[in-house]
N, C-alpha and C. Protein backbone atom coordinates (compact mmCIF):
# COMPACT_ATOMS: atom_id res chain seq x y z
N MET A 1 6.33 -5.30 5.29
CA MET A 1 5.33 -5.77 6.22
C MET A 1 5.89 -7.01 6.91
N GLU A 2 5.73 -7.06 8.20
CA GLU A 2 6.23 -8.19 8.97
C GLU A 2 5.06 -8.99 9.53
N TRP A 3 5.32 -10.28 9.74
CA TRP A 3 4.27 -11.16 10.23
C TRP A 3 3.73 -10.72 11.58
N ASN A 4 4.57 -10.12 12.42
CA ASN A 4 4.07 -9.70 13.74
C ASN A 4 3.12 -8.49 13.66
N ASP A 5 2.95 -7.94 12.45
CA ASP A 5 1.99 -6.85 12.23
C ASP A 5 0.61 -7.38 11.81
N ILE A 6 0.52 -8.69 11.65
CA ILE A 6 -0.72 -9.29 11.16
C ILE A 6 -1.31 -10.20 12.23
N ASP A 7 -2.60 -10.06 12.46
CA ASP A 7 -3.33 -10.96 13.34
C ASP A 7 -4.40 -11.65 12.50
N LEU A 8 -4.09 -12.88 12.09
CA LEU A 8 -5.01 -13.60 11.21
C LEU A 8 -6.31 -13.97 11.92
N ASP A 9 -6.26 -14.20 13.23
CA ASP A 9 -7.48 -14.53 13.97
C ASP A 9 -8.43 -13.33 14.04
N LYS A 10 -7.87 -12.15 14.30
CA LYS A 10 -8.69 -10.94 14.36
C LYS A 10 -8.88 -10.31 12.98
N LYS A 11 -8.17 -10.84 11.98
CA LYS A 11 -8.24 -10.34 10.61
C LYS A 11 -7.86 -8.86 10.53
N THR A 12 -6.68 -8.54 11.08
CA THR A 12 -6.21 -7.17 11.06
C THR A 12 -4.74 -7.09 10.67
N LEU A 13 -4.39 -5.94 10.13
CA LEU A 13 -3.02 -5.61 9.76
C LEU A 13 -2.69 -4.30 10.45
N ARG A 14 -1.60 -4.27 11.20
CA ARG A 14 -1.18 -3.05 11.89
C ARG A 14 -0.12 -2.35 11.03
N VAL A 15 -0.38 -1.10 10.68
CA VAL A 15 0.58 -0.29 9.93
C VAL A 15 1.24 0.64 10.94
N ASN A 16 2.56 0.50 11.10
CA ASN A 16 3.26 1.34 12.07
C ASN A 16 4.69 1.67 11.66
N LYS A 17 5.05 1.30 10.43
CA LYS A 17 6.39 1.61 9.94
C LYS A 17 6.38 1.77 8.44
N THR A 18 7.47 2.30 7.94
CA THR A 18 7.59 2.54 6.51
C THR A 18 9.03 2.24 6.08
N LEU A 19 9.19 1.91 4.82
CA LEU A 19 10.52 1.70 4.26
C LEU A 19 10.94 3.00 3.60
N THR A 20 12.02 3.57 4.08
CA THR A 20 12.53 4.82 3.56
C THR A 20 13.80 4.57 2.79
N LYS A 21 13.89 5.17 1.60
CA LYS A 21 15.11 5.06 0.79
C LYS A 21 15.73 6.44 0.66
N ALA A 22 17.07 6.47 0.74
CA ALA A 22 17.78 7.74 0.60
C ALA A 22 19.08 7.51 -0.14
N LYS A 23 19.48 8.51 -0.91
CA LYS A 23 20.77 8.45 -1.62
C LYS A 23 21.84 9.07 -0.73
N GLU A 24 23.04 8.50 -0.81
CA GLU A 24 24.16 9.04 -0.04
C GLU A 24 24.51 10.43 -0.58
N ARG A 25 24.57 11.42 0.30
CA ARG A 25 24.84 12.79 -0.10
C ARG A 25 25.94 13.40 0.77
N ASP A 26 26.60 14.43 0.24
CA ASP A 26 27.59 15.12 1.06
C ASP A 26 26.89 16.13 1.95
N TYR A 27 27.66 16.91 2.72
CA TYR A 27 27.04 17.83 3.68
C TYR A 27 26.26 18.97 3.01
N ASN A 28 26.47 19.18 1.70
CA ASN A 28 25.69 20.19 0.96
C ASN A 28 24.44 19.60 0.33
N GLY A 29 24.21 18.30 0.51
CA GLY A 29 23.03 17.66 -0.05
C GLY A 29 23.23 17.15 -1.46
N VAL A 30 24.48 17.17 -1.96
CA VAL A 30 24.77 16.71 -3.31
C VAL A 30 25.03 15.21 -3.28
N VAL A 31 24.43 14.49 -4.25
CA VAL A 31 24.65 13.05 -4.34
C VAL A 31 26.13 12.81 -4.54
N MET A 32 26.70 11.90 -3.76
CA MET A 32 28.14 11.68 -3.76
C MET A 32 28.57 10.70 -4.85
N GLY A 33 29.64 11.06 -5.58
CA GLY A 33 30.28 10.16 -6.52
C GLY A 33 29.44 9.85 -7.75
N LYS A 34 30.08 9.15 -8.68
CA LYS A 34 29.39 8.75 -9.90
C LYS A 34 28.41 7.63 -9.63
N ILE A 35 28.75 6.74 -8.71
CA ILE A 35 27.86 5.64 -8.34
C ILE A 35 26.94 6.15 -7.24
N LYS A 36 25.68 6.21 -7.55
CA LYS A 36 24.71 6.70 -6.58
C LYS A 36 24.32 5.57 -5.64
N LYS A 37 24.77 5.66 -4.41
CA LYS A 37 24.46 4.63 -3.43
C LYS A 37 23.12 4.96 -2.78
N THR A 38 22.27 3.97 -2.71
CA THR A 38 20.96 4.14 -2.09
C THR A 38 20.89 3.25 -0.86
N PHE A 39 20.40 3.83 0.23
CA PHE A 39 20.26 3.09 1.46
C PHE A 39 18.79 2.99 1.82
N SER A 40 18.42 1.86 2.39
CA SER A 40 17.04 1.66 2.83
C SER A 40 17.03 1.55 4.35
N ASP A 41 15.97 2.04 4.94
CA ASP A 41 15.84 1.98 6.39
C ASP A 41 14.36 1.84 6.73
N ILE A 42 14.05 0.96 7.65
CA ILE A 42 12.68 0.81 8.12
C ILE A 42 12.52 1.71 9.33
N THR A 43 11.58 2.65 9.24
CA THR A 43 11.37 3.63 10.30
C THR A 43 9.90 3.66 10.70
N LYS A 44 9.62 4.40 11.76
CA LYS A 44 8.24 4.60 12.18
C LYS A 44 7.52 5.43 11.13
N THR A 45 6.19 5.33 11.11
CA THR A 45 5.41 6.14 10.18
C THR A 45 5.62 7.62 10.49
N GLU A 46 5.38 8.47 9.48
CA GLU A 46 5.65 9.90 9.61
C GLU A 46 4.79 10.58 10.67
N SER A 47 3.56 10.15 10.81
CA SER A 47 2.66 10.82 11.75
C SER A 47 1.89 9.78 12.55
N GLU A 48 1.30 10.23 13.63
CA GLU A 48 0.51 9.33 14.48
C GLU A 48 -0.66 8.74 13.71
N SER A 49 -1.23 9.53 12.79
CA SER A 49 -2.35 9.02 12.00
C SER A 49 -1.90 7.93 11.04
N GLY A 50 -0.59 7.90 10.75
CA GLY A 50 -0.05 6.84 9.91
C GLY A 50 -0.09 5.49 10.60
N ASN A 51 -0.10 5.50 11.93
CA ASN A 51 -0.25 4.26 12.70
C ASN A 51 -1.72 3.88 12.72
N ARG A 52 -2.04 2.74 12.15
CA ARG A 52 -3.44 2.37 12.07
C ARG A 52 -3.59 0.86 11.97
N VAL A 53 -4.78 0.40 12.25
CA VAL A 53 -5.11 -1.01 12.12
C VAL A 53 -6.11 -1.13 10.98
N ILE A 54 -5.75 -1.97 10.00
CA ILE A 54 -6.57 -2.15 8.81
C ILE A 54 -7.27 -3.51 8.90
N PRO A 55 -8.60 -3.55 8.77
CA PRO A 55 -9.29 -4.84 8.75
C PRO A 55 -8.96 -5.59 7.46
N LEU A 56 -8.80 -6.89 7.55
CA LEU A 56 -8.52 -7.73 6.39
C LEU A 56 -9.77 -8.51 6.02
N ASN A 57 -10.03 -8.61 4.73
CA ASN A 57 -11.17 -9.43 4.31
C ASN A 57 -10.75 -10.90 4.21
N ASP A 58 -11.71 -11.77 3.97
CA ASP A 58 -11.43 -13.21 3.93
C ASP A 58 -10.41 -13.58 2.85
N MET A 59 -10.46 -12.91 1.70
CA MET A 59 -9.51 -13.20 0.63
C MET A 59 -8.09 -12.88 1.06
N ALA A 60 -7.91 -11.74 1.70
CA ALA A 60 -6.57 -11.35 2.16
C ALA A 60 -6.04 -12.35 3.18
N VAL A 61 -6.89 -12.75 4.11
CA VAL A 61 -6.49 -13.73 5.12
C VAL A 61 -6.11 -15.05 4.46
N SER A 62 -6.90 -15.48 3.50
CA SER A 62 -6.61 -16.73 2.78
C SER A 62 -5.26 -16.65 2.06
N LEU A 63 -4.99 -15.55 1.39
CA LEU A 63 -3.73 -15.39 0.67
C LEU A 63 -2.54 -15.35 1.62
N LEU A 64 -2.71 -14.68 2.75
CA LEU A 64 -1.63 -14.64 3.75
C LEU A 64 -1.35 -16.04 4.31
N LYS A 65 -2.40 -16.82 4.53
CA LYS A 65 -2.22 -18.19 5.00
C LYS A 65 -1.51 -19.03 3.94
N GLN A 66 -1.79 -18.77 2.67
CA GLN A 66 -1.10 -19.48 1.60
C GLN A 66 0.39 -19.15 1.59
N ILE A 67 0.72 -17.91 1.87
CA ILE A 67 2.14 -17.53 1.96
C ILE A 67 2.80 -18.27 3.12
N GLN A 68 2.12 -18.32 4.26
CA GLN A 68 2.67 -19.06 5.41
C GLN A 68 2.87 -20.53 5.07
N ASP A 69 1.89 -21.14 4.40
CA ASP A 69 2.00 -22.55 4.01
C ASP A 69 3.17 -22.76 3.06
N TYR A 70 3.32 -21.87 2.11
CA TYR A 70 4.43 -21.96 1.14
C TYR A 70 5.77 -21.88 1.88
N ASN A 71 5.89 -20.89 2.77
CA ASN A 71 7.13 -20.74 3.53
C ASN A 71 7.43 -21.98 4.37
N SER A 72 6.39 -22.55 4.93
CA SER A 72 6.58 -23.77 5.73
C SER A 72 7.06 -24.92 4.85
N ARG A 73 6.43 -25.11 3.70
CA ARG A 73 6.84 -26.20 2.78
C ARG A 73 8.27 -26.02 2.30
N LYS A 74 8.66 -24.77 2.04
CA LYS A 74 10.01 -24.48 1.52
C LYS A 74 11.03 -24.28 2.65
N LYS A 75 10.55 -24.41 3.90
CA LYS A 75 11.40 -24.22 5.08
C LYS A 75 12.05 -22.83 5.11
N ILE A 76 11.24 -21.84 4.76
CA ILE A 76 11.70 -20.45 4.80
C ILE A 76 11.30 -19.86 6.14
N THR A 77 12.29 -19.44 6.91
CA THR A 77 12.04 -18.80 8.19
C THR A 77 12.28 -17.31 8.00
N THR A 78 11.24 -16.53 8.25
CA THR A 78 11.35 -15.09 8.00
C THR A 78 10.36 -14.30 8.85
N ASP A 79 10.71 -13.06 9.10
CA ASP A 79 9.80 -12.13 9.76
C ASP A 79 8.96 -11.37 8.73
N TYR A 80 9.38 -11.43 7.46
CA TYR A 80 8.75 -10.63 6.42
C TYR A 80 7.68 -11.41 5.66
N VAL A 81 6.58 -10.74 5.36
CA VAL A 81 5.49 -11.37 4.60
C VAL A 81 5.97 -11.67 3.19
N ALA A 82 6.59 -10.70 2.55
CA ALA A 82 7.19 -10.92 1.23
C ALA A 82 8.69 -11.08 1.47
N SER A 83 9.19 -12.29 1.28
CA SER A 83 10.60 -12.54 1.60
C SER A 83 11.30 -13.26 0.46
N THR A 84 12.61 -13.21 0.53
CA THR A 84 13.44 -13.96 -0.39
C THR A 84 13.53 -15.40 0.10
N ALA A 85 14.12 -16.26 -0.70
CA ALA A 85 14.24 -17.67 -0.32
C ALA A 85 15.05 -17.86 0.95
N ASP A 86 15.95 -16.92 1.24
CA ASP A 86 16.75 -17.04 2.47
C ASP A 86 16.15 -16.26 3.64
N GLY A 87 14.92 -15.72 3.47
CA GLY A 87 14.21 -15.06 4.56
C GLY A 87 14.41 -13.56 4.65
N GLY A 88 15.20 -12.97 3.75
CA GLY A 88 15.39 -11.53 3.75
C GLY A 88 14.18 -10.81 3.17
N TYR A 89 14.16 -9.48 3.31
CA TYR A 89 13.02 -8.76 2.73
C TYR A 89 13.24 -8.56 1.24
N VAL A 90 12.16 -8.51 0.51
CA VAL A 90 12.20 -8.35 -0.94
C VAL A 90 12.40 -6.86 -1.24
N SER A 91 13.34 -6.55 -2.11
CA SER A 91 13.62 -5.15 -2.42
C SER A 91 12.46 -4.52 -3.18
N GLU A 92 12.39 -3.20 -3.09
CA GLU A 92 11.36 -2.46 -3.81
C GLU A 92 11.47 -2.73 -5.30
N ARG A 93 12.69 -2.81 -5.80
CA ARG A 93 12.92 -3.06 -7.23
C ARG A 93 12.31 -4.40 -7.65
N ASN A 94 12.49 -5.45 -6.84
CA ASN A 94 11.94 -6.76 -7.19
C ASN A 94 10.42 -6.79 -7.09
N ILE A 95 9.88 -6.08 -6.11
CA ILE A 95 8.41 -6.00 -6.01
C ILE A 95 7.85 -5.29 -7.24
N LEU A 96 8.50 -4.19 -7.64
CA LEU A 96 8.04 -3.45 -8.81
C LEU A 96 8.17 -4.30 -10.07
N ARG A 97 9.26 -5.04 -10.20
CA ARG A 97 9.45 -5.91 -11.37
C ARG A 97 8.33 -6.97 -11.44
N THR A 98 8.01 -7.56 -10.31
CA THR A 98 6.93 -8.56 -10.27
C THR A 98 5.60 -7.92 -10.61
N PHE A 99 5.34 -6.76 -10.05
CA PHE A 99 4.09 -6.03 -10.31
C PHE A 99 3.94 -5.73 -11.79
N LYS A 100 5.01 -5.23 -12.41
CA LYS A 100 4.98 -4.90 -13.84
C LYS A 100 4.76 -6.15 -14.68
N SER A 101 5.34 -7.26 -14.25
CA SER A 101 5.17 -8.52 -14.96
C SER A 101 3.71 -8.97 -14.92
N VAL A 102 3.10 -8.85 -13.75
CA VAL A 102 1.68 -9.23 -13.60
C VAL A 102 0.81 -8.33 -14.48
N LEU A 103 1.10 -7.04 -14.49
CA LEU A 103 0.34 -6.12 -15.35
C LEU A 103 0.43 -6.56 -16.81
N GLY A 104 1.61 -6.96 -17.23
CA GLY A 104 1.80 -7.41 -18.60
C GLY A 104 1.03 -8.68 -18.90
N VAL A 105 1.04 -9.62 -17.96
CA VAL A 105 0.34 -10.90 -18.16
C VAL A 105 -1.16 -10.70 -18.31
N VAL A 106 -1.72 -9.80 -17.50
CA VAL A 106 -3.17 -9.58 -17.55
C VAL A 106 -3.57 -8.54 -18.57
N GLY A 107 -2.57 -7.92 -19.22
CA GLY A 107 -2.86 -6.94 -20.26
C GLY A 107 -3.34 -5.61 -19.72
N ALA A 108 -2.96 -5.28 -18.50
CA ALA A 108 -3.38 -4.01 -17.90
C ALA A 108 -2.43 -2.89 -18.32
N GLU A 109 -2.91 -1.66 -18.17
CA GLU A 109 -2.07 -0.50 -18.45
C GLU A 109 -0.90 -0.49 -17.47
N ASP A 110 0.13 0.25 -17.80
CA ASP A 110 1.30 0.37 -16.94
C ASP A 110 1.00 1.35 -15.81
N TYR A 111 1.00 0.86 -14.59
CA TYR A 111 0.73 1.67 -13.41
C TYR A 111 1.87 1.54 -12.42
N THR A 112 1.91 2.48 -11.48
CA THR A 112 2.84 2.35 -10.36
C THR A 112 2.13 1.58 -9.25
N ILE A 113 2.89 1.07 -8.32
CA ILE A 113 2.29 0.38 -7.18
C ILE A 113 1.46 1.36 -6.37
N HIS A 114 1.91 2.61 -6.29
CA HIS A 114 1.16 3.62 -5.53
C HIS A 114 -0.22 3.84 -6.12
N ALA A 115 -0.38 3.58 -7.40
CA ALA A 115 -1.70 3.73 -8.04
C ALA A 115 -2.72 2.79 -7.41
N LEU A 116 -2.27 1.68 -6.85
CA LEU A 116 -3.19 0.75 -6.17
C LEU A 116 -3.85 1.43 -4.98
N ARG A 117 -3.10 2.27 -4.29
CA ARG A 117 -3.65 3.02 -3.15
C ARG A 117 -4.76 3.95 -3.63
N HIS A 118 -4.52 4.64 -4.75
CA HIS A 118 -5.54 5.55 -5.29
C HIS A 118 -6.76 4.78 -5.79
N THR A 119 -6.53 3.64 -6.40
CA THR A 119 -7.65 2.82 -6.86
C THR A 119 -8.49 2.36 -5.67
N PHE A 120 -7.82 1.92 -4.61
CA PHE A 120 -8.50 1.48 -3.40
C PHE A 120 -9.40 2.60 -2.86
N ALA A 121 -8.82 3.79 -2.71
CA ALA A 121 -9.58 4.91 -2.15
C ALA A 121 -10.72 5.32 -3.08
N SER A 122 -10.45 5.39 -4.37
CA SER A 122 -11.49 5.79 -5.33
C SER A 122 -12.65 4.81 -5.33
N ARG A 123 -12.34 3.53 -5.30
CA ARG A 123 -13.41 2.53 -5.30
C ARG A 123 -14.23 2.57 -4.03
N LEU A 124 -13.59 2.81 -2.90
CA LEU A 124 -14.33 2.94 -1.64
C LEU A 124 -15.29 4.13 -1.73
N LEU A 125 -14.80 5.24 -2.23
CA LEU A 125 -15.65 6.44 -2.33
C LEU A 125 -16.80 6.22 -3.31
N LYS A 126 -16.51 5.59 -4.45
CA LYS A 126 -17.56 5.31 -5.43
C LYS A 126 -18.61 4.36 -4.87
N ALA A 127 -18.21 3.50 -3.94
CA ALA A 127 -19.15 2.56 -3.32
C ALA A 127 -19.95 3.21 -2.20
N GLY A 128 -19.68 4.50 -1.93
CA GLY A 128 -20.45 5.22 -0.93
C GLY A 128 -19.84 5.24 0.45
N THR A 129 -18.61 4.80 0.60
CA THR A 129 -17.94 4.83 1.90
C THR A 129 -17.70 6.28 2.31
N GLU A 130 -17.97 6.57 3.57
CA GLU A 130 -17.76 7.93 4.08
C GLU A 130 -16.30 8.33 3.90
N ILE A 131 -16.08 9.58 3.53
CA ILE A 131 -14.72 10.05 3.29
C ILE A 131 -13.87 9.99 4.55
N SER A 132 -14.49 10.12 5.72
CA SER A 132 -13.73 10.03 6.98
C SER A 132 -13.17 8.63 7.18
N VAL A 133 -13.91 7.62 6.76
CA VAL A 133 -13.44 6.23 6.86
C VAL A 133 -12.28 6.01 5.89
N VAL A 134 -12.43 6.50 4.67
CA VAL A 134 -11.37 6.36 3.67
C VAL A 134 -10.11 7.08 4.17
N SER A 135 -10.27 8.26 4.72
CA SER A 135 -9.15 9.03 5.25
C SER A 135 -8.41 8.25 6.34
N LYS A 136 -9.17 7.63 7.21
CA LYS A 136 -8.57 6.85 8.30
C LYS A 136 -7.81 5.64 7.75
N LEU A 137 -8.41 4.94 6.79
CA LEU A 137 -7.74 3.77 6.20
C LEU A 137 -6.44 4.15 5.49
N LEU A 138 -6.43 5.33 4.87
CA LEU A 138 -5.24 5.79 4.16
C LEU A 138 -4.18 6.34 5.10
N GLY A 139 -4.58 6.64 6.34
CA GLY A 139 -3.62 7.17 7.30
C GLY A 139 -3.37 8.66 7.15
N HIS A 140 -4.35 9.38 6.58
CA HIS A 140 -4.21 10.82 6.45
C HIS A 140 -4.47 11.49 7.79
N ALA A 141 -3.62 12.41 8.17
CA ALA A 141 -3.78 13.13 9.44
C ALA A 141 -4.97 14.09 9.38
N ASP A 142 -5.28 14.55 8.18
CA ASP A 142 -6.33 15.55 8.01
C ASP A 142 -7.27 15.08 6.90
N ILE A 143 -8.57 15.07 7.18
CA ILE A 143 -9.56 14.63 6.20
C ILE A 143 -9.51 15.50 4.94
N ASN A 144 -9.04 16.75 5.09
CA ASN A 144 -8.95 17.64 3.93
C ASN A 144 -7.94 17.14 2.90
N THR A 145 -6.92 16.43 3.36
CA THR A 145 -5.96 15.82 2.44
C THR A 145 -6.67 14.81 1.56
N THR A 146 -7.49 13.98 2.17
CA THR A 146 -8.24 12.98 1.43
C THR A 146 -9.22 13.67 0.49
N TYR A 147 -9.93 14.65 1.01
CA TYR A 147 -10.93 15.35 0.21
C TYR A 147 -10.31 16.00 -1.02
N SER A 148 -9.20 16.72 -0.82
CA SER A 148 -8.59 17.43 -1.96
C SER A 148 -7.98 16.46 -2.97
N THR A 149 -7.51 15.31 -2.51
CA THR A 149 -6.92 14.32 -3.42
C THR A 149 -7.99 13.61 -4.24
N TYR A 150 -9.15 13.38 -3.64
CA TYR A 150 -10.19 12.57 -4.30
C TYR A 150 -11.44 13.36 -4.64
N ILE A 151 -11.34 14.69 -4.73
CA ILE A 151 -12.49 15.53 -5.06
C ILE A 151 -13.07 15.16 -6.42
N HIS A 152 -12.23 14.71 -7.35
CA HIS A 152 -12.72 14.33 -8.68
C HIS A 152 -13.69 13.15 -8.60
N VAL A 153 -13.44 12.22 -7.69
CA VAL A 153 -14.34 11.08 -7.52
C VAL A 153 -15.68 11.56 -6.97
N LEU A 154 -15.62 12.46 -6.01
CA LEU A 154 -16.85 12.99 -5.42
C LEU A 154 -17.63 13.81 -6.45
N ASN A 155 -16.93 14.57 -7.27
CA ASN A 155 -17.60 15.35 -8.32
C ASN A 155 -18.27 14.43 -9.34
N ASP A 156 -17.62 13.31 -9.67
CA ASP A 156 -18.22 12.33 -10.57
C ASP A 156 -19.52 11.78 -9.98
N GLN A 157 -19.53 11.56 -8.66
CA GLN A 157 -20.74 11.05 -8.01
C GLN A 157 -21.87 12.07 -8.10
N VAL A 158 -21.55 13.34 -7.93
CA VAL A 158 -22.57 14.39 -8.03
C VAL A 158 -23.16 14.40 -9.44
N THR A 159 -22.30 14.30 -10.45
CA THR A 159 -22.76 14.26 -11.84
C THR A 159 -23.66 13.05 -12.07
N ASP A 160 -23.25 11.88 -11.55
CA ASP A 160 -24.06 10.66 -11.71
C ASP A 160 -25.42 10.80 -11.04
N VAL A 161 -25.43 11.37 -9.84
CA VAL A 161 -26.70 11.56 -9.12
C VAL A 161 -27.62 12.47 -9.90
N MET A 162 -27.07 13.57 -10.40
CA MET A 162 -27.90 14.53 -11.15
C MET A 162 -28.40 13.91 -12.46
N SER A 163 -27.59 13.09 -13.09
CA SER A 163 -28.02 12.41 -14.33
C SER A 163 -29.18 11.49 -14.02
N GLY A 164 -29.12 10.82 -12.88
CA GLY A 164 -30.19 9.91 -12.47
C GLY A 164 -31.48 10.63 -12.18
N ILE A 165 -31.37 11.83 -11.62
CA ILE A 165 -32.57 12.62 -11.29
C ILE A 165 -33.28 13.03 -12.57
N MET A 166 -32.55 13.35 -13.59
CA MET A 166 -33.15 13.79 -14.85
C MET A 166 -33.94 12.68 -15.49
N LYS A 167 -33.65 11.42 -15.19
CA LYS A 167 -34.35 10.29 -15.79
C LYS A 167 -35.62 9.93 -15.04
N ILE A 168 -35.82 10.52 -13.86
CA ILE A 168 -36.99 10.18 -13.06
C ILE A 168 -38.23 10.80 -13.63
């Protein structure tokens, strides 16, 4: 994520690119050599629906401003929101290591970073957010993708509603 994708005044984040990793392969698609070289490339999102503007809440804006203040105090000049001390982007491996460390400190189960996306969507649905809104926030091209991925959350809601009716 780059700072030019964030508008703190409008409280929005523009998603329009992705970090792609690939292993070096020969023309047959076989990973080359004993040392597996991995290359990273920042590219456009896979689909037009992947390009989206996400509203930021006050907490997110506050945390982003804290990052800016920290960078200013440490004299870090960077285009990246999460950066190294010299202004480069933080590798996926380092982000994952930090994430796992935080999980350990708070005593949480071991999750992947991608699980945060599922938690976000599930909580929105459980709070009654329309599935079309959740689909748009996730950048799904087709609402059916969202529906089929999160049908278990919707089924849980049906069970909860029916349980509540029985108590009336």
